[in-house]
Amino acid sequence: IVRVHPGGIIIFPSAVVTHETIPIKPHETRFSVTGYVAGGVQRYLDAGGRTLIEW
């Protein structure tokens, strides 16, 4: 279990760890934002904004 303070974020590749949402109490509220970045975009950024051919 990873605890994150209110307003905090955690970023991890979903393939690295098994993750799930655990139940909360009736009076509690949970919010989450999920994003996705394609592998090609990550390679482009890792190459300094150049395509693999230019790199």
C-alpha atoms as a PDB file:
ATOM      1  CA  ILE A   1       0.000   0.000   0.000  1.00  0.00           C
ATOM      2  CA  VAL A   2       1.306   3.425  -0.948  1.00  0.00           C
ATOM      3  CA  ARG A   3      -0.143   6.318   1.018  1.00  0.00           C
ATOM      4  CA  VAL A   4      -0.222   9.677  -0.719  1.00  0.00           C
ATOM      5  CA  HIS A   5      -0.932  12.912   1.127  1.00  0.00           C
ATOM      6  CA  PRO A   6      -3.899  15.002  -0.076  1.00  0.00           C
ATOM      7  CA  GLY A   7      -2.821  16.871  -3.192  1.00  0.00           C
ATOM      8  CA  GLY A   8       0.142  14.554  -3.712  1.00  0.00           C
ATOM      9  CA  ILE A   9       0.785  12.491  -6.817  1.00  0.00           C
ATOM     10  CA  ILE A  10       2.482   9.237  -7.624  1.00  0.00           C
ATOM     11  CA  ILE A  11       3.537   8.272 -11.126  1.00  0.00           C
ATOM     12  CA  PHE A  12       4.468   4.722 -12.066  1.00  0.00           C
ATOM     13  CA  PRO A  13       4.217   2.518 -15.132  1.00  0.00           C
ATOM     14  CA  SER A  14       1.216   0.263 -14.564  1.00  0.00           C
ATOM     15  CA  ALA A  15       3.121  -2.742 -15.930  1.00  0.00           C
ATOM     16  CA  VAL A  16       5.685  -2.481 -13.109  1.00  0.00           C
ATOM     17  CA  VAL A  17       3.404  -3.241 -10.173  1.00  0.00           C
ATOM     18  CA  THR A  18       0.037  -4.799  -9.517  1.00  0.00           C
ATOM     19  CA  HIS A  19      -2.341  -2.079  -8.385  1.00  0.00           C
ATOM     20  CA  GLU A  20      -5.916  -1.927  -7.210  1.00  0.00           C
ATOM     21  CA  THR A  21      -8.357   0.289  -5.371  1.00  0.00           C
ATOM     22  CA  ILE A  22      -9.194  -0.751  -1.824  1.00  0.00           C
ATOM     23  CA  PRO A  23     -12.600  -0.130  -0.213  1.00  0.00           C
ATOM     24  CA  ILE A  24     -13.168   3.069   1.765  1.00  0.00           C
ATOM     25  CA  LYS A  25     -15.530   3.865   4.608  1.00  0.00           C
ATOM     26  CA  PRO A  26     -19.022   5.233   3.819  1.00  0.00           C
ATOM     27  CA  HIS A  27     -18.150   8.779   4.982  1.00  0.00           C
ATOM     28  CA  GLU A  28     -14.853   8.939   3.043  1.00  0.00           C
ATOM     29  CA  THR A  29     -14.321  10.284  -0.474  1.00  0.00           C
ATOM     30  CA  ARG A  30     -11.616   9.299  -2.914  1.00  0.00           C
ATOM     31  CA  PHE A  31     -10.685  10.973  -6.181  1.00  0.00           C
ATOM     32  CA  SER A  32      -8.190   9.847  -8.757  1.00  0.00           C
ATOM     33  CA  VAL A  33      -6.983  10.933 -12.161  1.00  0.00           C
ATOM     34  CA  THR A  34      -5.561   8.397 -14.545  1.00  0.00           C
ATOM     35  CA  GLY A  35      -3.470   9.235 -17.562  1.00  0.00           C
ATOM     36  CA  TYR A  36      -1.994   7.295 -20.431  1.00  0.00           C
ATOM     37  CA  VAL A  37       1.054   8.018 -22.543  1.00  0.00           C
ATOM     38  CA  ALA A  38       1.828   5.805 -25.519  1.00  0.00           C
ATOM     39  CA  GLY A  39       5.271   4.228 -25.619  1.00  0.00           C
ATOM     40  CA  GLY A  40       6.090   6.075 -28.847  1.00  0.00           C
ATOM     41  CA  VAL A  41       5.562   9.424 -27.133  1.00  0.00           C
ATOM     42  CA  GLN A  42       7.888   8.399 -24.305  1.00  0.00           C
ATOM     43  CA  ARG A  43      10.589   7.328 -26.785  1.00  0.00           C
ATOM     44  CA  TYR A  44      10.198  10.676 -28.600  1.00  0.00           C
ATOM     45  CA  LEU A  45      10.663  12.572 -25.328  1.00  0.00           C
ATOM     46  CA  ASP A  46      13.595  10.372 -24.286  1.00  0.00           C
ATOM     47  CA  ALA A  47      15.258  11.145 -27.637  1.00  0.00           C
ATOM     48  CA  GLY A  48      15.110  14.884 -26.935  1.00  0.00           C
ATOM     49  CA  GLY A  49      12.092  15.558 -29.129  1.00  0.00           C
ATOM     50  CA  ARG A  50      13.541  13.766 -32.148  1.00  0.00           C
ATOM     51  CA  THR A  51      12.212  10.746 -33.980  1.00  0.00           C
ATOM     52  CA  LEU A  52      14.247   7.556 -33.732  1.00  0.00           C
ATOM     53  CA  ILE A  53      15.415   8.102 -37.338  1.00  0.00           C
ATOM     54  CA  GLU A  54      16.693  11.602 -36.451  1.00  0.00           C
ATOM     55  CA  TRP A  55      18.206  10.336 -33.223  1.00  0.00           C
END
